Amino acid sequence: MINRSKGGVTTTTRSYQNLVYVRQMLGELRNVAEGEEAQMLCYLIEMAMMEANDLIENGGAAPRG
């Protein structure tokens, strides 16, 4: 993996920060969906949160083929 620096922040660090941000925003969206009693939407958001967690734990997005 190439770690290019932009503004002193490596691509890997920026990618990690972006994934953490996505996970946080999904959590906020899940709270809103739960307040609206939208069970299917809650489920789908939870699946997206699980995917974000997996990507964070595995060091970032899978390579695009």
Protein backbone atom coordinates (compact mmCIF):
# COMPACT_ATOMS: atom_id res chain seq x y z
CA MET A 1 0.00 0.00 0.00
CA ILE A 2 1.30 3.42 -0.92
CA ASN A 3 1.08 5.94 1.90
CA ARG A 4 1.11 9.30 0.18
CA SER A 5 1.26 12.33 2.40
CA LYS A 6 -1.06 15.28 1.89
CA GLY A 7 -0.76 18.15 4.30
CA GLY A 8 1.37 16.03 6.64
CA VAL A 9 -1.30 13.30 6.96
CA THR A 10 -0.75 9.94 5.32
CA THR A 11 -3.39 8.35 3.11
CA THR A 12 -3.67 5.49 5.59
CA THR A 13 -4.31 7.86 8.49
CA ARG A 14 -6.83 9.87 6.49
CA SER A 15 -8.63 6.69 5.42
CA TYR A 16 -8.83 5.50 9.05
CA GLN A 17 -10.15 8.88 10.17
CA ASN A 18 -12.76 8.84 7.41
CA LEU A 19 -13.95 5.37 8.39
CA VAL A 20 -14.21 6.36 12.05
CA TYR A 21 -16.22 9.43 11.00
CA VAL A 22 -18.55 7.29 8.87
CA ARG A 23 -19.09 4.91 11.80
CA GLN A 24 -19.91 7.82 14.11
CA MET A 25 -22.38 9.33 11.65
CA LEU A 26 -24.05 5.96 11.14
CA GLY A 27 -24.51 5.78 14.91
CA GLU A 28 -26.23 9.16 14.85
CA LEU A 29 -28.45 8.10 11.96
CA ARG A 30 -29.34 4.91 13.78
CA ASN A 31 -30.50 6.95 16.78
CA VAL A 32 -32.73 9.05 14.52
CA ALA A 33 -34.14 5.97 12.78
CA GLU A 34 -34.79 4.32 16.15
CA GLY A 35 -36.68 7.41 17.29
CA GLU A 36 -38.87 7.05 14.21
CA GLU A 37 -39.38 3.34 14.94
CA ALA A 38 -37.98 2.44 11.53
CA GLN A 39 -36.83 -1.09 12.29
CA MET A 40 -35.71 -2.00 8.76
CA LEU A 41 -33.71 1.21 8.48
CA CYS A 42 -32.13 0.55 11.89
CA TYR A 43 -31.16 -2.92 10.71
CA LEU A 44 -29.58 -1.66 7.50
CA ILE A 45 -27.68 1.07 9.34
CA GLU A 46 -26.44 -1.50 11.86
CA MET A 47 -25.16 -3.64 8.97
CA ALA A 48 -23.31 -0.59 7.61
CA MET A 49 -21.87 0.05 11.07
CA MET A 50 -20.62 -3.53 11.24
CA GLU A 51 -18.98 -3.11 7.83
CA ALA A 52 -17.32 0.13 8.96
CA ASN A 53 -16.06 -1.63 12.11
CA ASP A 54 -14.63 -4.48 10.02
CA LEU A 55 -12.86 -2.04 7.72
CA ILE A 56 -11.42 -0.13 10.67
CA GLU A 57 -10.19 -3.31 12.33
CA ASN A 58 -8.65 -4.59 9.08
CA GLY A 59 -6.78 -1.40 8.34
CA GLY A 60 -8.99 0.21 5.72
CA ALA A 61 -11.01 -0.45 2.64
CA ALA A 62 -10.44 -3.53 0.54
CA PRO A 63 -8.48 -2.91 -2.64
CA ARG A 64 -10.60 -2.12 -5.67
CA GLY A 65 -10.30 -4.63 -8.45
